[in-house]
Structures are given as structure tokens and as C-alpha cells.
């Protein structure tokens, strides 16, 4: 009984990353829409896919999940991955499928990385990662340059060096 409940809960959490019944209200005029391809949608859900696969494997080996249920769960995850996802850029912020909407005032800049752009959050606000296909990267950078003009692309500040602990609990010499 626990196996189907676990898989159902995992599927619901995966679904809530891309579709919710009542989405967040977006403000401002739409200035750009960037749809995600299948590869980017898979990258967005990769941890959920890994965890669901591990649960299916352990459930099958442990005997608390049967093959028909495994096939049904895998098909449901494929359907979730097939849901269209897009980033919507407005004059006041950025949204992912109306599930998440973040105001531009929450960001102080962005960093370009391979296949993604990280919007740096101001103090008290978290970062927001835009997963992009290589052909969409330049268009989004141009759009961000217009909406965040005073926040040029700069590398993220590296964390302060920390001193590691040895196995005996003493700090290692720096």
C-alpha cells in the first residue's frame, strides 16, 4: 500500500513544478516568451525522475511494487515531462508557466553559464535558474540586458574559504 502512495506523491510533486490549478498572478506587459524543449524540461525535472526511478527500482526489488504499476508510473512521468513549459518575461518580472513569478526587483544581476542563465537574487531573495537551449541563450541575454540594465553579467561571488575538519574533529591546518 505504501508503494503506490509514495509513487503518487512523487508524481504530484513533479506535476506541481510545471502546472498548478491556480497559477501566480503575473503583472506587467509580456515582452518575451521562451518555450522549453524536451531536453530542458527533462533537466528541470531530473531530480524527480532520478528519485522516482530509484523508488521504482527499490519497490520492485523489495516486492512492494508490481510491474503493471511500474509501467503506469513511468507513463505518468512521461506525460508530466510532455507538458509544455515556458519562461514568460514581463516588464515587471519573469515567470515559469505561471507556477513561479519573480519580480525584477528581486534580482541584482545574472550569470551566463553553459545551457542556463542564473539570475542572482538580492539579499533575502534566492536565485532563479533559467534552463535554456543553446539557440535561445543569446535572445534571453539580450532581453535581460534590456530589463536589468544596471546588472551586467558578472560571475557569482565565490564562497569564502572555509577550513575543513579532520576525521578526529580538529580543524585542519590552513
N, C-alpha and C. Protein backbone atom coordinates (compact mmCIF):
# COMPACT_ATOMS: atom_id res chain seq x y z
N UNK A 1 0.82 -1.21 0.00
CA UNK A 1 0.00 0.00 0.00
C UNK A 1 0.86 1.26 0.00
N UNK A 2 2.02 1.19 0.65
CA UNK A 2 2.86 2.38 0.74
C UNK A 2 3.50 2.71 -0.61
N UNK A 3 3.77 1.70 -1.41
CA UNK A 3 4.41 1.92 -2.71
C UNK A 3 3.58 2.81 -3.65
N UNK A 4 2.32 2.47 -3.88
CA UNK A 4 1.52 3.34 -4.74
C UNK A 4 1.33 4.75 -4.18
N UNK A 5 1.21 4.87 -2.86
CA UNK A 5 1.08 6.21 -2.26
C UNK A 5 2.35 7.02 -2.46
N UNK A 6 3.50 6.39 -2.27
CA UNK A 6 4.78 7.07 -2.47
C UNK A 6 4.93 7.53 -3.92
N UNK A 7 4.64 6.64 -4.85
CA UNK A 7 4.77 7.00 -6.27
C UNK A 7 3.77 8.10 -6.65
N UNK A 8 2.56 8.02 -6.13
CA UNK A 8 1.57 9.05 -6.40
C UNK A 8 1.99 10.42 -5.87
N UNK A 9 2.54 10.44 -4.66
CA UNK A 9 3.01 11.70 -4.09
C UNK A 9 4.17 12.27 -4.90
N UNK A 10 5.06 11.41 -5.35
CA UNK A 10 6.20 11.87 -6.15
C UNK A 10 5.72 12.44 -7.49
N UNK A 11 4.73 11.81 -8.09
CA UNK A 11 4.19 12.31 -9.36
C UNK A 11 3.48 13.65 -9.17
N UNK A 12 2.75 13.80 -8.07
CA UNK A 12 2.06 15.07 -7.80
C UNK A 12 3.08 16.19 -7.61
N UNK A 13 4.15 15.92 -6.87
CA UNK A 13 5.19 16.95 -6.68
C UNK A 13 5.86 17.31 -8.00
N UNK A 14 6.08 16.33 -8.86
CA UNK A 14 6.66 16.61 -10.17
C UNK A 14 5.72 17.46 -11.02
N UNK A 15 4.44 17.15 -10.95
CA UNK A 15 3.45 17.90 -11.71
C UNK A 15 3.37 19.35 -11.23
N UNK A 16 3.51 19.56 -9.93
CA UNK A 16 3.39 20.91 -9.38
C UNK A 16 4.56 21.82 -9.77
N UNK A 17 5.64 21.28 -10.29
CA UNK A 17 6.75 22.11 -10.77
C UNK A 17 6.41 22.78 -12.10
N UNK A 18 5.45 22.22 -12.85
CA UNK A 18 5.15 22.77 -14.17
C UNK A 18 3.70 23.18 -14.35
N UNK A 19 2.80 22.73 -13.49
CA UNK A 19 1.38 23.07 -13.66
C UNK A 19 0.69 23.05 -12.30
N UNK A 20 0.00 24.13 -12.01
CA UNK A 20 -0.81 24.21 -10.80
C UNK A 20 -2.21 24.69 -11.19
N UNK A 21 -3.23 24.32 -10.41
CA UNK A 21 -4.59 24.71 -10.78
C UNK A 21 -4.79 26.22 -10.85
N UNK A 22 -4.26 26.94 -9.88
CA UNK A 22 -4.39 28.39 -9.86
C UNK A 22 -2.99 28.97 -9.82
N UNK A 23 -2.51 29.44 -10.96
CA UNK A 23 -1.16 29.95 -11.05
C UNK A 23 -0.99 31.31 -10.41
N UNK A 24 0.27 31.71 -10.24
CA UNK A 24 0.54 33.02 -9.69
C UNK A 24 0.15 34.10 -10.68
N UNK A 25 -0.26 35.21 -10.16
CA UNK A 25 -0.67 36.33 -11.00
C UNK A 25 0.57 37.04 -11.52
N UNK A 26 0.64 37.21 -12.82
CA UNK A 26 1.76 37.93 -13.43
C UNK A 26 1.34 39.37 -13.65
N UNK A 27 2.27 40.27 -13.39
CA UNK A 27 1.99 41.68 -13.62
C UNK A 27 2.88 42.19 -14.75
N UNK A 28 2.49 43.29 -15.33
CA UNK A 28 3.27 43.89 -16.40
C UNK A 28 2.87 43.35 -17.77
N UNK A 29 3.45 43.98 -18.79
CA UNK A 29 3.20 43.56 -20.16
C UNK A 29 4.20 42.50 -20.56
N UNK A 30 3.75 41.50 -21.30
CA UNK A 30 4.62 40.42 -21.77
C UNK A 30 5.57 40.98 -22.82
N UNK A 31 6.88 40.77 -22.60
CA UNK A 31 7.88 41.24 -23.56
C UNK A 31 8.62 40.10 -24.23
N UNK A 32 8.40 38.89 -23.76
CA UNK A 32 9.04 37.74 -24.39
C UNK A 32 8.56 36.43 -23.78
N UNK A 33 8.53 35.40 -24.63
CA UNK A 33 8.15 34.06 -24.18
C UNK A 33 9.18 33.10 -24.76
N UNK A 34 9.75 32.27 -23.90
CA UNK A 34 10.76 31.30 -24.33
C UNK A 34 10.28 29.90 -23.96
N UNK A 35 9.85 29.11 -24.96
CA UNK A 35 9.41 27.74 -24.66
C UNK A 35 10.61 26.82 -24.44
N UNK A 36 10.45 25.84 -23.56
CA UNK A 36 11.50 24.88 -23.29
C UNK A 36 11.28 23.63 -24.13
N UNK A 37 12.37 23.10 -24.66
CA UNK A 37 12.31 21.85 -25.40
C UNK A 37 12.26 20.67 -24.44
N UNK A 38 12.14 19.48 -25.00
CA UNK A 38 12.04 18.28 -24.16
C UNK A 38 13.28 18.10 -23.29
N UNK A 39 14.44 18.36 -23.85
CA UNK A 39 15.69 18.20 -23.08
C UNK A 39 15.72 19.14 -21.87
N UNK A 40 15.28 20.38 -22.05
CA UNK A 40 15.27 21.33 -20.94
C UNK A 40 14.21 20.96 -19.90
N UNK A 41 13.06 20.45 -20.36
CA UNK A 41 12.03 20.01 -19.41
C UNK A 41 12.54 18.81 -18.60
N UNK A 42 13.30 17.94 -19.25
CA UNK A 42 13.88 16.80 -18.54
C UNK A 42 14.93 17.27 -17.54
N UNK A 43 15.72 18.28 -17.89
CA UNK A 43 16.69 18.84 -16.94
C UNK A 43 15.99 19.50 -15.76
N UNK A 44 14.86 20.13 -16.01
CA UNK A 44 14.10 20.76 -14.95
C UNK A 44 13.59 19.73 -13.94
N UNK A 45 13.23 18.56 -14.42
CA UNK A 45 12.64 17.51 -13.57
C UNK A 45 13.63 16.39 -13.25
N UNK A 46 14.91 16.58 -13.53
CA UNK A 46 15.85 15.46 -13.42
C UNK A 46 15.91 14.84 -12.03
N UNK A 47 15.88 15.62 -10.99
CA UNK A 47 15.95 15.04 -9.64
C UNK A 47 14.69 14.23 -9.36
N UNK A 48 13.55 14.74 -9.79
CA UNK A 48 12.30 13.99 -9.60
C UNK A 48 12.34 12.67 -10.37
N UNK A 49 12.89 12.70 -11.59
CA UNK A 49 12.98 11.48 -12.38
C UNK A 49 13.92 10.47 -11.71
N UNK A 50 15.07 10.95 -11.23
CA UNK A 50 16.01 10.06 -10.55
C UNK A 50 15.38 9.42 -9.31
N UNK A 51 14.72 10.23 -8.49
CA UNK A 51 14.12 9.71 -7.27
C UNK A 51 12.98 8.74 -7.57
N UNK A 52 12.18 9.04 -8.57
CA UNK A 52 11.10 8.14 -8.94
C UNK A 52 11.66 6.82 -9.47
N UNK A 53 12.72 6.89 -10.27
CA UNK A 53 13.35 5.67 -10.77
C UNK A 53 13.93 4.84 -9.64
N UNK A 54 14.56 5.50 -8.67
CA UNK A 54 15.10 4.77 -7.51
C UNK A 54 13.98 4.12 -6.71
N UNK A 55 12.88 4.82 -6.52
CA UNK A 55 11.75 4.25 -5.78
C UNK A 55 11.16 3.05 -6.52
N UNK A 56 11.05 3.16 -7.85
CA UNK A 56 10.53 2.04 -8.62
C UNK A 56 11.47 0.84 -8.55
N UNK A 57 12.76 1.09 -8.64
CA UNK A 57 13.74 0.00 -8.56
C UNK A 57 13.70 -0.68 -7.19
N UNK A 58 13.74 0.13 -6.14
CA UNK A 58 13.71 -0.44 -4.79
C UNK A 58 12.38 -1.14 -4.51
N UNK A 59 11.30 -0.58 -5.01
CA UNK A 59 10.00 -1.20 -4.81
C UNK A 59 9.87 -2.52 -5.54
N UNK A 60 10.45 -2.61 -6.72
CA UNK A 60 10.41 -3.86 -7.47
C UNK A 60 11.28 -4.91 -6.81
N UNK A 61 12.49 -4.52 -6.41
CA UNK A 61 13.39 -5.46 -5.75
C UNK A 61 12.82 -5.88 -4.40
N UNK A 62 12.23 -4.94 -3.67
CA UNK A 62 11.67 -5.24 -2.36
C UNK A 62 10.35 -5.97 -2.40
N UNK A 63 9.70 -5.99 -3.56
CA UNK A 63 8.45 -6.72 -3.70
C UNK A 63 7.21 -5.94 -3.33
N UNK A 64 7.32 -4.63 -3.07
CA UNK A 64 6.13 -3.87 -2.71
C UNK A 64 5.58 -3.05 -3.87
N UNK A 65 6.16 -3.21 -5.05
CA UNK A 65 5.61 -2.64 -6.29
C UNK A 65 5.61 -3.72 -7.36
N UNK A 66 4.57 -3.78 -8.14
CA UNK A 66 4.44 -4.78 -9.21
C UNK A 66 4.67 -4.12 -10.56
N UNK A 67 4.97 -4.93 -11.55
CA UNK A 67 5.31 -4.45 -12.89
C UNK A 67 4.21 -3.59 -13.53
N UNK A 68 2.94 -3.95 -13.45
CA UNK A 68 1.92 -3.09 -14.07
C UNK A 68 1.90 -1.67 -13.49
N UNK A 69 2.09 -1.57 -12.19
CA UNK A 69 2.12 -0.26 -11.56
C UNK A 69 3.36 0.52 -11.99
N UNK A 70 4.49 -0.17 -12.13
CA UNK A 70 5.71 0.49 -12.59
C UNK A 70 5.52 1.09 -13.96
N UNK A 71 4.90 0.35 -14.86
CA UNK A 71 4.67 0.86 -16.21
C UNK A 71 3.73 2.06 -16.17
N UNK A 72 2.69 1.99 -15.35
CA UNK A 72 1.75 3.09 -15.22
C UNK A 72 2.44 4.35 -14.68
N UNK A 73 3.30 4.19 -13.68
CA UNK A 73 4.02 5.33 -13.09
C UNK A 73 4.98 5.93 -14.12
N UNK A 74 5.69 5.09 -14.87
CA UNK A 74 6.61 5.60 -15.90
C UNK A 74 5.85 6.36 -16.99
N UNK A 75 4.69 5.87 -17.38
CA UNK A 75 3.88 6.58 -18.38
C UNK A 75 3.39 7.91 -17.83
N UNK A 76 3.00 7.94 -16.57
CA UNK A 76 2.55 9.19 -15.95
C UNK A 76 3.68 10.20 -15.91
N UNK A 77 4.90 9.76 -15.60
CA UNK A 77 6.04 10.69 -15.59
C UNK A 77 6.33 11.19 -16.99
N UNK A 78 6.20 10.34 -18.00
CA UNK A 78 6.39 10.78 -19.38
C UNK A 78 5.36 11.84 -19.76
N UNK A 79 4.12 11.67 -19.31
CA UNK A 79 3.08 12.67 -19.58
C UNK A 79 3.44 13.99 -18.91
N UNK A 80 3.93 13.94 -17.68
CA UNK A 80 4.32 15.17 -16.97
C UNK A 80 5.47 15.86 -17.70
N UNK A 81 6.42 15.07 -18.20
CA UNK A 81 7.54 15.65 -18.95
C UNK A 81 7.09 16.23 -20.28
N UNK A 82 5.95 15.79 -20.78
CA UNK A 82 5.44 16.29 -22.06
C UNK A 82 4.63 17.57 -21.93
N UNK A 83 4.35 18.01 -20.72
CA UNK A 83 3.60 19.25 -20.51
C UNK A 83 4.46 20.42 -20.98
N UNK A 84 3.94 21.30 -21.83
CA UNK A 84 4.73 22.44 -22.30
C UNK A 84 5.12 23.36 -21.15
N UNK A 85 6.37 23.78 -21.16
CA UNK A 85 6.90 24.70 -20.15
C UNK A 85 7.50 25.88 -20.88
N UNK A 86 7.29 27.07 -20.35
CA UNK A 86 7.86 28.27 -20.97
C UNK A 86 8.18 29.30 -19.91
N UNK A 87 9.20 30.10 -20.22
CA UNK A 87 9.51 31.25 -19.39
C UNK A 87 8.81 32.44 -20.02
N UNK A 88 8.10 33.19 -19.19
CA UNK A 88 7.37 34.36 -19.66
C UNK A 88 8.02 35.58 -19.03
N UNK A 89 8.54 36.45 -19.87
CA UNK A 89 9.20 37.67 -19.40
C UNK A 89 8.22 38.82 -19.53
N UNK A 90 8.02 39.56 -18.45
CA UNK A 90 7.16 40.73 -18.47
C UNK A 90 7.98 41.95 -18.10
N UNK A 91 7.35 43.10 -18.16
CA UNK A 91 8.06 44.33 -17.80
C UNK A 91 8.37 44.39 -16.31
N UNK A 92 7.70 43.56 -15.50
CA UNK A 92 7.93 43.60 -14.05
C UNK A 92 8.60 42.35 -13.49
N UNK A 93 8.72 41.28 -14.29
CA UNK A 93 9.34 40.07 -13.75
C UNK A 93 9.39 38.94 -14.75
N UNK A 94 9.71 37.76 -14.23
CA UNK A 94 9.82 36.56 -15.05
C UNK A 94 9.03 35.44 -14.38
N UNK A 95 8.37 34.60 -15.20
CA UNK A 95 7.56 33.51 -14.69
C UNK A 95 7.91 32.22 -15.41
N UNK A 96 7.69 31.10 -14.73
CA UNK A 96 7.78 29.79 -15.37
C UNK A 96 6.40 29.17 -15.30
N UNK A 97 5.71 29.18 -16.42
CA UNK A 97 4.38 28.57 -16.54
C UNK A 97 3.37 29.06 -15.51
N UNK A 98 3.49 30.26 -15.06
CA UNK A 98 2.61 30.81 -14.04
C UNK A 98 2.66 30.01 -12.74
N UNK A 99 3.66 29.15 -12.58
CA UNK A 99 3.86 28.42 -11.32
C UNK A 99 4.70 29.29 -10.40
N UNK A 100 5.72 29.90 -10.95
CA UNK A 100 6.62 30.78 -10.21
C UNK A 100 6.67 32.12 -10.94
N UNK A 101 6.49 33.21 -10.20
CA UNK A 101 6.67 34.55 -10.77
C UNK A 101 7.57 35.34 -9.85
N UNK A 102 8.66 35.88 -10.40
CA UNK A 102 9.62 36.64 -9.61
C UNK A 102 9.74 38.05 -10.19
N UNK A 103 9.70 39.04 -9.33
CA UNK A 103 9.83 40.44 -9.74
C UNK A 103 11.28 40.74 -10.10
N UNK A 104 11.51 41.67 -11.04
CA UNK A 104 12.87 42.06 -11.39
C UNK A 104 13.59 42.70 -10.21
N UNK A 105 12.85 43.29 -9.30
CA UNK A 105 13.48 43.92 -8.13
C UNK A 105 14.12 42.90 -7.19
N UNK A 106 13.80 41.62 -7.36
CA UNK A 106 14.39 40.58 -6.54
C UNK A 106 15.77 40.14 -7.02
N UNK A 107 16.21 40.67 -8.16
CA UNK A 107 17.48 40.26 -8.75
C UNK A 107 18.42 41.44 -8.84
N UNK A 108 19.71 41.16 -8.64
CA UNK A 108 20.71 42.21 -8.79
C UNK A 108 21.65 41.95 -9.95
N UNK A 109 21.42 40.91 -10.71
CA UNK A 109 22.26 40.62 -11.87
C UNK A 109 22.04 39.20 -12.35
N UNK A 110 22.85 38.79 -13.30
CA UNK A 110 22.74 37.45 -13.83
C UNK A 110 24.12 36.93 -14.23
N UNK A 111 24.22 35.63 -14.32
CA UNK A 111 25.46 34.97 -14.73
C UNK A 111 25.14 34.01 -15.86
N UNK A 112 25.89 34.11 -16.93
CA UNK A 112 25.72 33.20 -18.05
C UNK A 112 26.56 31.95 -17.81
N UNK A 113 25.92 30.81 -17.94
CA UNK A 113 26.60 29.53 -17.84
C UNK A 113 26.20 28.69 -19.03
N UNK A 114 26.84 27.56 -19.20
CA UNK A 114 26.50 26.68 -20.30
C UNK A 114 25.09 26.16 -20.12
N UNK A 115 24.24 26.40 -21.10
CA UNK A 115 22.86 25.91 -21.15
C UNK A 115 21.96 26.46 -20.04
N UNK A 116 22.37 27.51 -19.36
CA UNK A 116 21.50 28.12 -18.36
C UNK A 116 21.97 29.53 -18.04
N UNK A 117 21.06 30.31 -17.50
CA UNK A 117 21.38 31.64 -17.00
C UNK A 117 20.87 31.69 -15.57
N UNK A 118 21.73 32.12 -14.67
CA UNK A 118 21.37 32.20 -13.25
C UNK A 118 21.09 33.66 -12.92
N UNK A 119 19.86 33.94 -12.51
CA UNK A 119 19.51 35.29 -12.05
C UNK A 119 19.85 35.36 -10.57
N UNK A 120 20.77 36.25 -10.21
CA UNK A 120 21.21 36.38 -8.82
C UNK A 120 20.18 37.14 -8.01
N UNK A 121 19.82 36.57 -6.89
CA UNK A 121 18.85 37.23 -6.02
C UNK A 121 19.52 38.28 -5.15
N UNK A 122 18.76 39.31 -4.82
CA UNK A 122 19.25 40.31 -3.88
C UNK A 122 19.29 39.69 -2.49
N UNK A 123 19.77 40.44 -1.53
CA UNK A 123 19.85 39.92 -0.17
C UNK A 123 18.44 39.56 0.31
N UNK A 124 18.28 38.34 0.74
CA UNK A 124 16.99 37.86 1.20
C UNK A 124 16.16 37.17 0.12
N UNK A 125 16.60 37.23 -1.12
CA UNK A 125 15.89 36.58 -2.22
C UNK A 125 16.80 35.53 -2.84
N UNK A 126 16.25 34.42 -3.21
CA UNK A 126 17.04 33.34 -3.80
C UNK A 126 17.30 33.57 -5.28
N UNK A 127 18.16 32.73 -5.82
CA UNK A 127 18.46 32.81 -7.25
C UNK A 127 17.36 32.12 -8.04
N UNK A 128 17.36 32.36 -9.34
CA UNK A 128 16.37 31.76 -10.23
C UNK A 128 17.13 31.29 -11.45
N UNK A 129 17.06 30.00 -11.74
CA UNK A 129 17.82 29.42 -12.85
C UNK A 129 16.92 29.27 -14.06
N UNK A 130 17.38 29.81 -15.19
CA UNK A 130 16.68 29.67 -16.46
C UNK A 130 17.41 28.61 -17.27
N UNK A 131 16.79 27.46 -17.46
CA UNK A 131 17.37 26.38 -18.26
C UNK A 131 17.03 26.65 -19.72
N UNK A 132 18.06 26.74 -20.56
CA UNK A 132 17.83 27.17 -21.94
C UNK A 132 18.55 26.27 -22.93
N UNK A 133 17.97 26.18 -24.12
CA UNK A 133 18.65 25.53 -25.24
C UNK A 133 19.70 26.50 -25.77
N UNK A 134 20.77 25.98 -26.39
CA UNK A 134 21.83 26.87 -26.89
C UNK A 134 21.34 27.96 -27.85
N UNK A 135 20.35 27.66 -28.67
CA UNK A 135 19.86 28.66 -29.63
C UNK A 135 19.00 29.75 -28.97
N UNK A 136 18.54 29.53 -27.75
CA UNK A 136 17.73 30.53 -27.05
C UNK A 136 18.56 31.43 -26.16
N UNK A 137 19.78 31.03 -25.89
CA UNK A 137 20.64 31.71 -24.92
C UNK A 137 20.85 33.19 -25.26
N UNK A 138 21.25 33.48 -26.48
CA UNK A 138 21.56 34.86 -26.88
C UNK A 138 20.32 35.75 -26.81
N UNK A 139 19.16 35.23 -27.20
CA UNK A 139 17.93 36.02 -27.15
C UNK A 139 17.57 36.40 -25.72
N UNK A 140 17.73 35.47 -24.80
CA UNK A 140 17.39 35.75 -23.41
C UNK A 140 18.39 36.74 -22.80
N UNK A 141 19.66 36.63 -23.17
CA UNK A 141 20.66 37.58 -22.67
C UNK A 141 20.32 38.99 -23.15
N UNK A 142 19.93 39.13 -24.40
CA UNK A 142 19.52 40.45 -24.91
C UNK A 142 18.31 40.98 -24.16
N UNK A 143 17.36 40.11 -23.88
CA UNK A 143 16.17 40.51 -23.15
C UNK A 143 16.52 40.92 -21.72
N UNK A 144 17.43 40.18 -21.07
CA UNK A 144 17.85 40.53 -19.72
C UNK A 144 18.63 41.83 -19.70
N UNK A 145 19.40 42.11 -20.74
CA UNK A 145 20.15 43.36 -20.80
C UNK A 145 19.20 44.55 -20.86
N UNK A 146 18.03 44.36 -21.47
CA UNK A 146 17.04 45.44 -21.51
C UNK A 146 16.31 45.59 -20.17
N UNK A 147 16.00 44.48 -19.52
CA UNK A 147 15.20 44.55 -18.29
C UNK A 147 16.04 44.77 -17.04
N UNK A 148 17.29 44.33 -17.05
CA UNK A 148 18.21 44.54 -15.93
C UNK A 148 19.42 45.33 -16.43
N UNK A 149 19.23 46.58 -16.86
CA UNK A 149 20.33 47.31 -17.50
C UNK A 149 21.51 47.59 -16.59
N UNK A 150 21.27 47.80 -15.31
CA UNK A 150 22.37 48.13 -14.41
C UNK A 150 23.00 46.90 -13.79
N UNK A 151 22.54 45.72 -14.15
CA UNK A 151 23.09 44.48 -13.61
C UNK A 151 23.72 43.68 -14.73
N UNK A 152 24.93 43.98 -15.06
CA UNK A 152 25.63 43.29 -16.14
C UNK A 152 25.96 41.86 -15.73
N UNK A 153 26.28 41.06 -16.72
CA UNK A 153 26.66 39.68 -16.45
C UNK A 153 28.00 39.66 -15.75
N UNK A 154 28.00 39.20 -14.53
CA UNK A 154 29.21 39.10 -13.73
C UNK A 154 29.22 37.73 -13.08
N UNK A 155 30.41 37.19 -12.84
CA UNK A 155 30.43 35.89 -12.16
C UNK A 155 29.92 36.01 -10.73
N UNK A 156 29.33 34.93 -10.25
CA UNK A 156 28.87 34.92 -8.87
C UNK A 156 30.06 35.00 -7.93
N UNK A 157 29.86 35.63 -6.82
CA UNK A 157 30.94 35.74 -5.84
C UNK A 157 31.26 34.34 -5.32
N UNK A 158 32.54 34.02 -5.28
CA UNK A 158 32.92 32.71 -4.78
C UNK A 158 32.76 32.69 -3.27
N UNK A 159 32.39 31.54 -2.71
CA UNK A 159 32.20 31.47 -1.27
C UNK A 159 33.51 31.69 -0.53
N UNK A 160 33.40 32.20 0.68
CA UNK A 160 34.59 32.45 1.49
C UNK A 160 35.27 31.12 1.79
N UNK A 161 36.60 31.11 1.77
CA UNK A 161 37.29 29.85 2.05
C UNK A 161 37.00 29.41 3.48
N UNK A 162 36.76 28.13 3.62
CA UNK A 162 36.49 27.57 4.93
C UNK A 162 37.57 26.57 5.29
N UNK A 163 37.70 26.35 6.53
CA UNK A 163 38.69 25.39 6.99
C UNK A 163 37.99 24.07 7.22
N UNK A 164 38.52 23.02 6.64
CA UNK A 164 37.92 21.70 6.76
C UNK A 164 38.24 21.06 8.09
N UNK A 165 37.46 20.06 8.44
CA UNK A 165 37.67 19.33 9.69
C UNK A 165 38.31 17.99 9.37
N UNK A 166 39.22 17.57 10.23
CA UNK A 166 39.82 16.26 10.07
C UNK A 166 38.88 15.22 10.64
N UNK A 167 39.24 13.95 10.50
CA UNK A 167 38.38 12.88 10.98
C UNK A 167 38.25 12.89 12.50
N UNK A 168 39.22 13.44 13.18
CA UNK A 168 39.19 13.45 14.65
C UNK A 168 38.45 14.66 15.20
N UNK A 169 37.92 15.52 14.34
CA UNK A 169 37.15 16.66 14.80
C UNK A 169 37.95 17.92 14.98
N UNK A 170 39.28 17.86 14.83
CA UNK A 170 40.09 19.07 14.93
C UNK A 170 40.13 19.75 13.58
N UNK A 171 40.30 21.05 13.57
CA UNK A 171 40.40 21.75 12.30
C UNK A 171 41.75 21.49 11.70
N UNK A 172 41.73 21.31 10.40
CA UNK A 172 42.97 21.06 9.68
C UNK A 172 43.72 22.36 9.49
N UNK A 173 45.00 22.27 9.38
CA UNK A 173 45.83 23.46 9.18
C UNK A 173 45.53 24.05 7.81
N UNK A 174 45.41 25.36 7.76
CA UNK A 174 45.08 26.01 6.51
C UNK A 174 46.30 26.22 5.66
